[in-house]
Amino acid sequence: MTLKTSVCLEVLAKDAKRGVNRGDVIIIIDVFRCSSTIITALQNGAKGVIPVKTVKEAVTLHNKHPEWLLAGERRAKKLRNFHLGNSPLEFKRELVEGKYIILTTTDGTRAI
């Protein structure tokens, strides 16, 4: 018995919809920032990271949970009035340990 496997590569988060429409199993690899940031936050003791698509969603969620940290970027720049950007180097244990983090990024959280 021979099984056929197809692999489709979509480079941008917005293109993941094609995979959803095809019924694909989707694997997201964002090695440059988002996933590295999430892993670093969790390794440094964060209780959890809540990925959201938009800045508005992040701010709305933060208004409901002001004790949670706001983190994110747009076009590789830290968002104004956010506690953290999207560099793994910012997610130090003394800042994130025991806290929830709301994260929004240009492409990574949209892909998730």
C-alpha atoms as a PDB file:
ATOM      1  CA  MET A   1       0.000   0.000   0.000  1.00  0.00           C
ATOM      2  CA  THR A   2       1.371   3.399  -0.981  1.00  0.00           C
ATOM      3  CA  LEU A   3       0.313   6.599   0.748  1.00  0.00           C
ATOM      4  CA  LYS A   4       0.490   9.937  -0.998  1.00  0.00           C
ATOM      5  CA  THR A   5       1.482  12.947   1.028  1.00  0.00           C
ATOM      6  CA  SER A   6       1.355  16.530  -0.117  1.00  0.00           C
ATOM      7  CA  VAL A   7       3.137  19.383   1.594  1.00  0.00           C
ATOM      8  CA  CYS A   8       1.992  22.962   1.082  1.00  0.00           C
ATOM      9  CA  LEU A   9       4.085  25.870   2.279  1.00  0.00           C
ATOM     10  CA  GLU A  10       2.403  29.141   3.176  1.00  0.00           C
ATOM     11  CA  VAL A  11       4.813  31.833   4.248  1.00  0.00           C
ATOM     12  CA  LEU A  12       2.510  34.466   5.751  1.00  0.00           C
ATOM     13  CA  ALA A  13      -0.028  34.067   8.538  1.00  0.00           C
ATOM     14  CA  LYS A  14      -2.788  35.457   6.325  1.00  0.00           C
ATOM     15  CA  ASP A  15      -2.216  32.562   3.913  1.00  0.00           C
ATOM     16  CA  ALA A  16      -3.036  29.943   6.584  1.00  0.00           C
ATOM     17  CA  LYS A  17      -6.697  30.319   5.538  1.00  0.00           C
ATOM     18  CA  ARG A  18      -5.843  28.392   2.370  1.00  0.00           C
ATOM     19  CA  GLY A  19      -4.748  25.446   4.481  1.00  0.00           C
ATOM     20  CA  VAL A  20      -7.881  25.655   6.594  1.00  0.00           C
ATOM     21  CA  ASN A  21     -10.025  25.656   3.439  1.00  0.00           C
ATOM     22  CA  ARG A  22      -8.159  22.595   2.129  1.00  0.00           C
ATOM     23  CA  GLY A  23      -8.605  20.792   5.469  1.00  0.00           C
ATOM     24  CA  ASP A  24      -4.838  20.558   5.996  1.00  0.00           C
ATOM     25  CA  VAL A  25      -3.049  19.731   9.196  1.00  0.00           C
ATOM     26  CA  ILE A  26      -1.322  23.037   9.904  1.00  0.00           C
ATOM     27  CA  ILE A  27       2.066  23.392  11.532  1.00  0.00           C
ATOM     28  CA  ILE A  28       3.181  26.897  12.413  1.00  0.00           C
ATOM     29  CA  ILE A  29       6.865  27.685  12.572  1.00  0.00           C
ATOM     30  CA  ASP A  30       7.770  31.199  13.573  1.00  0.00           C
ATOM     31  CA  VAL A  31      11.330  30.679  14.698  1.00  0.00           C
ATOM     32  CA  PHE A  32      12.373  34.281  14.531  1.00  0.00           C
ATOM     33  CA  ARG A  33      10.247  35.775  17.261  1.00  0.00           C
ATOM     34  CA  CYS A  34       6.779  34.774  18.384  1.00  0.00           C
ATOM     35  CA  SER A  35       7.264  31.117  19.253  1.00  0.00           C
ATOM     36  CA  SER A  36      10.724  31.796  20.717  1.00  0.00           C
ATOM     37  CA  THR A  37       9.213  34.538  22.861  1.00  0.00           C
ATOM     38  CA  ILE A  38       6.419  32.271  24.119  1.00  0.00           C
ATOM     39  CA  ILE A  39       8.841  29.458  24.959  1.00  0.00           C
ATOM     40  CA  THR A  40      11.169  31.868  26.764  1.00  0.00           C
ATOM     41  CA  ALA A  41       8.292  33.341  28.786  1.00  0.00           C
ATOM     42  CA  LEU A  42       7.110  29.891  29.866  1.00  0.00           C
ATOM     43  CA  GLN A  43      10.640  28.709  30.642  1.00  0.00           C
ATOM     44  CA  ASN A  44      11.081  31.775  32.833  1.00  0.00           C
ATOM     45  CA  GLY A  45       8.008  30.950  34.883  1.00  0.00           C
ATOM     46  CA  ALA A  46       5.110  32.739  33.193  1.00  0.00           C
ATOM     47  CA  LYS A  47       1.779  31.127  34.140  1.00  0.00           C
ATOM     48  CA  GLY A  48       0.627  31.370  30.537  1.00  0.00           C
ATOM     49  CA  VAL A  49       0.756  33.313  27.301  1.00  0.00           C
ATOM     50  CA  ILE A  50      -2.509  34.330  25.670  1.00  0.00           C
ATOM     51  CA  PRO A  51      -1.975  35.034  21.957  1.00  0.00           C
ATOM     52  CA  VAL A  52      -4.415  37.483  20.376  1.00  0.00           C
ATOM     53  CA  LYS A  53      -4.693  38.784  16.817  1.00  0.00           C
ATOM     54  CA  THR A  54      -5.117  42.502  17.304  1.00  0.00           C
ATOM     55  CA  VAL A  55      -3.882  45.327  19.497  1.00  0.00           C
ATOM     56  CA  LYS A  56      -7.505  46.137  20.308  1.00  0.00           C
ATOM     57  CA  GLU A  57      -8.111  42.565  21.544  1.00  0.00           C
ATOM     58  CA  ALA A  58      -4.970  42.768  23.681  1.00  0.00           C
ATOM     59  CA  VAL A  59      -5.977  46.071  25.282  1.00  0.00           C
ATOM     60  CA  THR A  60      -9.565  44.901  25.862  1.00  0.00           C
ATOM     61  CA  LEU A  61      -8.335  41.719  27.569  1.00  0.00           C
ATOM     62  CA  HIS A  62      -5.843  43.721  29.637  1.00  0.00           C
ATOM     63  CA  ASN A  63      -8.633  46.052  30.791  1.00  0.00           C
ATOM     64  CA  LYS A  64     -10.446  42.964  32.149  1.00  0.00           C
ATOM     65  CA  HIS A  65      -7.232  41.624  33.730  1.00  0.00           C
ATOM     66  CA  PRO A  66      -4.994  44.616  34.539  1.00  0.00           C
ATOM     67  CA  GLU A  67      -2.582  42.413  36.479  1.00  0.00           C
ATOM     68  CA  TRP A  68      -1.635  40.568  33.256  1.00  0.00           C
ATOM     69  CA  LEU A  69       1.290  41.878  31.222  1.00  0.00           C
ATOM     70  CA  LEU A  70       0.797  43.339  27.748  1.00  0.00           C
ATOM     71  CA  ALA A  71       3.391  42.316  25.187  1.00  0.00           C
ATOM     72  CA  GLY A  72       3.591  42.799  21.464  1.00  0.00           C
ATOM     73  CA  GLU A  73       4.853  44.480  18.365  1.00  0.00           C
ATOM     74  CA  ARG A  74       3.845  45.714  14.969  1.00  0.00           C
ATOM     75  CA  ARG A  75       6.433  45.763  12.192  1.00  0.00           C
ATOM     76  CA  ALA A  76       9.128  44.754  14.731  1.00  0.00           C
ATOM     77  CA  LYS A  77       8.514  47.759  17.002  1.00  0.00           C
ATOM     78  CA  LYS A  78       7.306  47.475  20.590  1.00  0.00           C
ATOM     79  CA  LEU A  79       3.775  48.791  21.004  1.00  0.00           C
ATOM     80  CA  ARG A  80       3.268  52.013  22.915  1.00  0.00           C
ATOM     81  CA  ASN A  81       2.066  51.549  26.518  1.00  0.00           C
ATOM     82  CA  PHE A  82       2.845  47.815  26.422  1.00  0.00           C
ATOM     83  CA  HIS A  83       5.029  46.307  29.151  1.00  0.00           C
ATOM     84  CA  LEU A  84       7.103  44.189  26.765  1.00  0.00           C
ATOM     85  CA  GLY A  85       7.811  43.917  23.065  1.00  0.00           C
ATOM     86  CA  ASN A  86       8.365  40.629  21.245  1.00  0.00           C
ATOM     87  CA  SER A  87      12.026  39.899  21.869  1.00  0.00           C
ATOM     88  CA  PRO A  88      12.745  36.764  23.893  1.00  0.00           C
ATOM     89  CA  LEU A  89      15.491  38.759  25.620  1.00  0.00           C
ATOM     90  CA  GLU A  90      12.851  40.976  27.277  1.00  0.00           C
ATOM     91  CA  PHE A  91      11.046  38.071  28.966  1.00  0.00           C
ATOM     92  CA  LYS A  92      13.327  37.798  31.983  1.00  0.00           C
ATOM     93  CA  ARG A  93      12.310  35.644  34.935  1.00  0.00           C
ATOM     94  CA  GLU A  94      12.051  38.628  37.284  1.00  0.00           C
ATOM     95  CA  LEU A  95       9.484  40.247  34.969  1.00  0.00           C
ATOM     96  CA  VAL A  96       7.312  37.303  33.917  1.00  0.00           C
ATOM     97  CA  GLU A  97       7.477  34.697  36.661  1.00  0.00           C
ATOM     98  CA  GLY A  98       4.010  33.871  37.982  1.00  0.00           C
ATOM     99  CA  LYS A  99       2.249  36.160  35.510  1.00  0.00           C
ATOM    100  CA  TYR A 100      -0.020  35.785  32.514  1.00  0.00           C
ATOM    101  CA  ILE A 101       1.073  37.557  29.350  1.00  0.00           C
ATOM    102  CA  ILE A 102      -1.213  38.835  26.591  1.00  0.00           C
ATOM    103  CA  LEU A 103       0.780  38.740  23.350  1.00  0.00           C
ATOM    104  CA  THR A 104       0.017  40.207  19.936  1.00  0.00           C
ATOM    105  CA  THR A 105       2.438  40.210  17.007  1.00  0.00           C
ATOM    106  CA  THR A 106       2.377  41.183  13.364  1.00  0.00           C
ATOM    107  CA  ASP A 107       2.229  37.598  12.061  1.00  0.00           C
ATOM    108  CA  GLY A 108       3.001  35.010  14.762  1.00  0.00           C
ATOM    109  CA  THR A 109      -0.091  35.319  16.949  1.00  0.00           C
ATOM    110  CA  ARG A 110      -2.294  35.671  13.869  1.00  0.00           C
ATOM    111  CA  ALA A 111      -0.916  32.370  12.603  1.00  0.00           C
ATOM    112  CA  ILE A 112      -1.549  30.686  15.937  1.00  0.00           C
END
